[in-house]
Protein backbone atom coordinates (compact mmCIF):
# COMPACT_ATOMS: atom_id res chain seq x y z
CA MET A 1 -10.39 -17.94 -8.36
CA SER A 2 -11.57 -15.08 -6.18
CA LEU A 3 -9.69 -13.90 -3.11
CA ARG A 4 -11.02 -13.70 0.42
CA SER A 5 -9.59 -11.17 2.85
CA ARG A 6 -9.26 -10.91 6.60
CA VAL A 7 -7.23 -8.83 9.04
CA VAL A 8 -5.38 -10.72 11.75
CA PRO A 9 -3.05 -9.69 14.58
CA ARG A 10 0.53 -10.15 13.50
CA SER A 11 1.15 -12.18 16.64
CA SER A 12 -1.38 -14.80 15.47
CA LEU A 13 0.66 -15.86 12.43
CA ASP A 14 2.13 -19.35 12.64
CA GLU A 15 5.54 -20.25 11.21
CA ALA A 16 4.10 -21.84 8.06
CA ARG A 17 2.14 -18.70 7.26
CA ARG A 18 5.18 -16.49 7.91
CA GLN A 19 7.31 -18.60 5.59
CA ARG A 20 4.66 -18.45 2.87
CA MET A 21 4.64 -14.64 3.18
CA LEU A 22 8.41 -14.63 2.64
CA VAL A 23 8.03 -16.84 -0.43
CA LEU A 24 5.46 -14.45 -1.91
CA MET A 25 7.75 -11.48 -1.31
CA GLN A 26 10.75 -13.20 -2.87
CA ALA A 27 8.70 -14.24 -5.88
CA SER A 28 7.84 -10.62 -6.73
CA TYR A 29 10.85 -8.75 -5.30
CA GLU A 30 14.59 -9.18 -5.66
CA GLY A 31 16.93 -8.67 -2.72
CA VAL A 32 14.47 -9.69 0.00
CA ASP A 33 16.53 -10.72 3.02
CA ALA A 34 14.69 -13.19 5.26
CA ALA A 35 16.00 -11.82 8.56
CA ARG A 36 15.16 -8.25 7.60
CA PHE A 37 11.71 -9.28 6.34
CA PHE A 38 10.81 -11.05 9.57
CA ALA A 39 12.18 -8.22 11.73
CA ASP A 40 10.03 -5.76 9.79
CA LEU A 41 7.02 -8.05 10.07
CA ASP A 42 7.45 -8.38 13.83
CA ALA A 43 7.35 -4.58 14.18
CA LYS A 44 3.81 -4.45 12.74
CA HIS A 45 0.50 -4.77 14.57
CA PHE A 46 -1.78 -6.36 11.96
CA VAL A 47 -1.65 -8.18 8.62
CA ILE A 48 -4.22 -8.20 5.84
CA ILE A 49 -4.38 -11.80 4.62
CA LEU A 50 -5.59 -12.65 1.09
CA GLU A 51 -6.52 -16.29 0.47
CA ASP A 52 -7.89 -18.16 -2.53
CA ASP A 53 -10.89 -20.45 -2.49
CA VAL A 54 -8.90 -23.34 -1.03
CA GLY A 55 -7.27 -21.25 1.70
CA ALA A 56 -3.83 -20.76 0.11
CA LEU A 57 -2.15 -17.44 0.90
CA MET A 58 -2.06 -15.33 -2.27
CA GLY A 59 -1.19 -11.91 -0.86
CA PHE A 60 -0.83 -9.76 2.22
CA SER A 61 -0.14 -6.27 3.54
CA THR A 62 1.40 -5.45 6.92
CA LEU A 63 -0.02 -2.65 9.06
CA LEU A 64 1.34 -0.46 11.86
CA LEU A 65 -0.80 1.93 13.92
CA LEU A 66 0.75 5.19 15.13
CA LYS A 67 -0.53 8.06 17.24
CA ASP A 68 0.84 11.56 16.61
CA SER A 69 -0.25 15.18 16.34
CA LEU A 70 -0.72 17.61 13.46
CA ASP A 71 -1.41 21.34 13.78
CA GLY A 72 -1.79 20.85 17.52
CA HIS A 73 -4.43 18.11 17.23
CA PRO A 74 -4.04 14.37 17.90
CA VAL A 75 -4.19 12.19 14.80
CA ASP A 76 -4.05 8.48 14.01
CA VAL A 77 -1.76 7.09 11.32
CA VAL A 78 -1.92 3.75 9.53
CA PHE A 79 1.39 2.74 7.99
CA SER A 80 1.17 -0.02 5.39
CA GLY A 81 4.44 -1.86 4.99
CA ASP A 82 5.29 -4.88 2.84
CA THR A 83 2.48 -5.53 0.39
CA VAL A 84 2.31 -8.17 -2.33
CA ILE A 85 -0.31 -10.02 -4.38
CA ASP A 86 0.44 -13.05 -6.52
CA PRO A 87 0.43 -11.77 -10.13
CA ALA A 88 -2.20 -14.36 -11.02
CA HIS A 89 -4.63 -12.31 -8.89
CA TRP A 90 -3.78 -8.80 -10.09
CA GLY A 91 -7.03 -7.00 -10.75
CA SER A 92 -8.66 -8.37 -7.59
CA LYS A 93 -10.13 -5.71 -5.31
CA ALA A 94 -9.86 -7.83 -2.17
CA LEU A 95 -6.92 -5.87 -0.79
CA GLN A 96 -8.57 -2.49 -1.38
CA THR A 97 -11.76 -3.70 0.28
CA ALA A 98 -9.98 -5.14 3.30
CA PHE A 99 -7.81 -2.07 3.76
CA GLY A 100 -10.86 0.19 3.46
CA ARG A 101 -12.74 -1.80 6.10
CA PHE A 102 -9.75 -1.73 8.43
CA CYS A 103 -9.33 2.05 8.11
CA LEU A 104 -13.07 2.61 8.47
CA THR A 105 -13.01 0.65 11.73
CA GLN A 106 -10.12 2.77 13.01
CA LYS A 107 -11.93 5.96 12.02
CA LEU A 108 -15.19 4.97 13.71
CA ARG A 109 -13.33 4.25 16.94
CA ASN A 110 -12.16 7.88 17.05
CA PRO A 111 -14.44 9.79 14.64
CA ARG A 112 -13.19 13.22 15.74
CA ARG A 113 -9.54 12.41 15.19
CA GLU A 114 -8.10 12.81 11.71
CA LEU A 115 -6.85 9.56 10.20
CA TYR A 116 -3.89 9.36 7.81
CA TRP A 117 -2.33 6.61 5.73
CA LEU A 118 1.47 6.64 5.40
CA LEU A 119 2.24 4.78 2.19
CA LEU A 120 5.45 3.60 0.54
CA SER A 121 5.23 3.08 -3.23
CA LYS A 122 8.00 1.22 -5.00
CA GLY A 123 5.59 0.18 -7.76
CA PHE A 124 2.95 2.08 -9.71
CA ARG A 125 0.11 -0.32 -8.82
CA THR A 126 0.27 0.48 -5.11
CA TYR A 127 0.49 4.19 -5.89
CA LEU A 128 -2.59 3.97 -8.14
CA MET A 129 -4.53 2.29 -5.35
CA ALA A 130 -4.07 5.45 -3.28
CA VAL A 131 -4.69 8.13 -5.89
CA ASN A 132 -7.61 6.30 -7.52
CA TYR A 133 -9.52 5.79 -4.29
CA PHE A 134 -8.52 8.70 -2.06
CA PRO A 135 -8.49 12.25 -3.45
CA ARG A 136 -6.55 13.69 -0.48
CA THR A 137 -3.31 11.96 -1.41
CA PHE A 138 0.03 13.65 -1.97
CA PRO A 139 2.22 13.78 -3.86
CA LYS A 140 0.00 13.38 -6.90
CA PRO A 141 -0.81 15.45 -10.00
CA GLY A 142 -2.31 18.79 -9.00
CA ALA A 143 -2.00 18.23 -5.24
CA ARG A 144 -1.23 21.34 -3.15
CA PRO A 145 -0.77 20.09 0.43
CA SER A 146 -0.29 22.58 3.23
CA PRO A 147 3.28 23.11 4.48
CA SER A 148 2.30 21.60 7.83
CA ARG A 149 1.15 18.35 6.19
CA VAL A 150 4.32 18.12 4.12
CA ALA A 151 6.36 18.67 7.29
CA PHE A 152 4.26 16.05 9.08
CA ARG A 153 4.92 13.48 6.36
CA ASP A 154 8.63 14.28 6.39
CA ARG A 155 8.83 14.04 10.17
CA LEU A 156 7.09 10.66 10.21
CA ALA A 157 9.34 9.32 7.47
CA THR A 158 12.51 10.61 9.12
CA SER A 159 11.53 9.10 12.46
CA LEU A 160 11.03 5.71 10.81
CA TRP A 161 13.91 5.62 8.32
CA GLY A 162 16.38 8.31 9.35
CA LYS A 163 18.82 9.50 6.70
CA SER A 164 17.52 6.97 4.17
CA TYR A 165 14.56 9.32 3.66
CA HIS A 166 15.19 12.42 1.52
CA PRO A 167 12.60 15.15 2.18
CA ALA A 168 13.51 17.18 -0.92
CA THR A 169 12.31 14.37 -3.19
CA ALA A 170 10.07 12.40 -0.79
CA ILE A 171 12.08 9.32 -1.75
CA LEU A 172 13.18 6.54 0.58
CA HIS A 173 16.50 5.28 -0.75
CA HIS A 174 18.63 2.61 0.91
CA ASP A 175 22.33 2.47 0.18
CA GLU A 176 22.14 -1.26 -0.40
CA ALA A 177 19.83 -2.44 -3.17
CA ARG A 178 16.93 -4.39 -1.70
CA ASP A 179 13.29 -5.33 -2.16
CA ARG A 180 13.29 -4.40 -5.86
CA VAL A 181 10.25 -5.26 -7.97
CA ARG A 182 11.38 -8.03 -10.31
CA ALA A 183 12.19 -6.82 -13.80
CA GLN A 184 9.38 -8.74 -15.48
CA LEU A 185 6.82 -7.18 -13.11
CA SER A 186 8.00 -3.61 -12.54
CA PRO A 187 7.76 -1.65 -15.82
CA PRO A 188 4.35 -0.08 -16.39
CA PRO A 189 2.80 -1.54 -19.56
CA PRO A 190 2.37 0.93 -22.44
CA GLU A 191 -1.36 1.36 -21.79
CA ALA A 192 -0.67 2.27 -18.13
CA LEU A 193 1.54 5.18 -19.20
CA ASP A 194 -1.57 6.80 -20.71
CA HIS A 195 -2.66 7.37 -17.09
CA GLU A 196 -1.50 10.74 -15.74
CA ALA A 197 -0.85 9.36 -12.27
CA VAL A 198 1.40 6.58 -13.59
CA ARG A 199 3.48 9.08 -15.54
CA PHE A 200 3.66 11.26 -12.42
CA PHE A 201 4.85 8.32 -10.32
CA VAL A 202 7.58 7.39 -12.79
CA ASP A 203 8.71 11.02 -12.93
CA LYS A 204 8.77 11.43 -9.13
CA ASN A 205 10.39 8.05 -8.50
CA PRO A 206 12.60 7.41 -11.55
CA HIS A 207 14.63 4.68 -9.83
CA PHE A 208 11.71 2.65 -8.53
CA GLU A 209 13.04 -0.40 -10.37
CA LEU A 210 16.10 -0.24 -8.07
CA GLY A 211 13.93 -0.29 -4.94
CA ASP A 212 13.43 3.44 -4.29
CA GLU A 213 10.10 4.21 -2.66
CA LEU A 214 7.90 7.30 -2.94
CA VAL A 215 6.60 8.29 0.50
CA CYS A 216 2.98 9.41 0.32
CA LEU A 217 0.55 10.75 2.90
CA VAL A 218 -3.17 10.19 2.47
CA GLN A 219 -5.85 11.85 4.57
CA LEU A 220 -8.75 9.46 5.21
CA PRO A 221 -11.93 11.35 6.16
CA LEU A 222 -15.02 9.26 6.79
CA ARG A 223 -16.68 10.37 3.54
CA ASP A 224 -13.74 9.26 1.39
CA LEU A 225 -13.44 5.95 3.23
CA LEU A 226 -17.11 5.13 2.67
CA ARG A 227 -16.94 6.14 -1.00
CA ALA A 228 -13.78 4.07 -1.55
CA LEU A 229 -15.24 1.03 0.16
CA VAL A 230 -18.43 1.16 -1.90
CA ARG A 231 -16.42 1.59 -5.09
CA ALA A 232 -14.03 -1.27 -4.32
CA THR A 233 -16.93 -3.55 -3.40
CA ALA A 234 -18.74 -2.71 -6.63
CA LYS A 235 -15.63 -3.44 -8.68
CA ALA A 236 -15.14 -6.74 -6.85
CA VAL A 237 -18.68 -7.77 -7.77
CA GLU A 238 -18.09 -6.65 -11.36
CA ALA A 239 -14.93 -8.76 -11.52
CA GLN A 240 -16.85 -11.80 -10.30
CA LEU A 241 -19.44 -11.34 -13.05
CA ARG A 242 -16.85 -10.72 -15.78
CA PRO A 243 -16.37 -13.65 -18.20
CA HIS A 244 -13.28 -15.64 -17.25
CA HIS A 245 -11.66 -15.28 -20.67
CA ARG A 246 -11.39 -11.51 -20.33
CA ARG A 247 -8.20 -10.13 -18.84
CA PRO A 248 -8.51 -7.74 -15.87
CA ARG A 249 -7.78 -4.11 -16.55
CA VAL A 250 -4.41 -2.83 -15.34
CA VAL A 251 -5.60 0.68 -14.57
CA THR A 252 -9.03 1.38 -13.10
């Protein structure tokens, strides 16, 4: 079944929907503490909701909006927090499309302000979503960000996670093991390791299976947002037309 997406204020979530979100997280991640999950959720502004054809929640991503400055100019930052899709729907482009629409809306509200995406990647699939759709992502193979953008990323991460963030490696590491991708879901399949970006992610974040997260910063100019949205929409249509007996590709 296909997935439908919508963005809702976090405050609009009822208790049943919040509990279903926790169930989805615990199905894909080990060490998910309910109190910590709900506290993190309550600190966000919006949630991307992914539902199947009968309205059942099959995935979500939490979103926080920040205002800051870079090189003396005001900028907007979208931080995407907990993100999960039921494995039965891997290959769907609903999340990419919804996230692209959300960021495009934010950009059009302030077209002269630079927009950035602060991304945590504890799994290679989330990392690929960034590098495949947005060329101004770092760290990634061949990226040469300016020192000011590296410092900006590090400052944001330190303000949010304190000493758990390590600027030298761009890794967010918590002393207690938590929110680890379950063993049957985390290792990249052999064919994925043929992708340069997947190998790069594994090299930069060698302990991702233990819950370490690679902190990435993605610049989102209007041109890249429009290109990404068109591409994700085209792939969603292609997936709908694909015969049901064919398995979705892992790497696109």
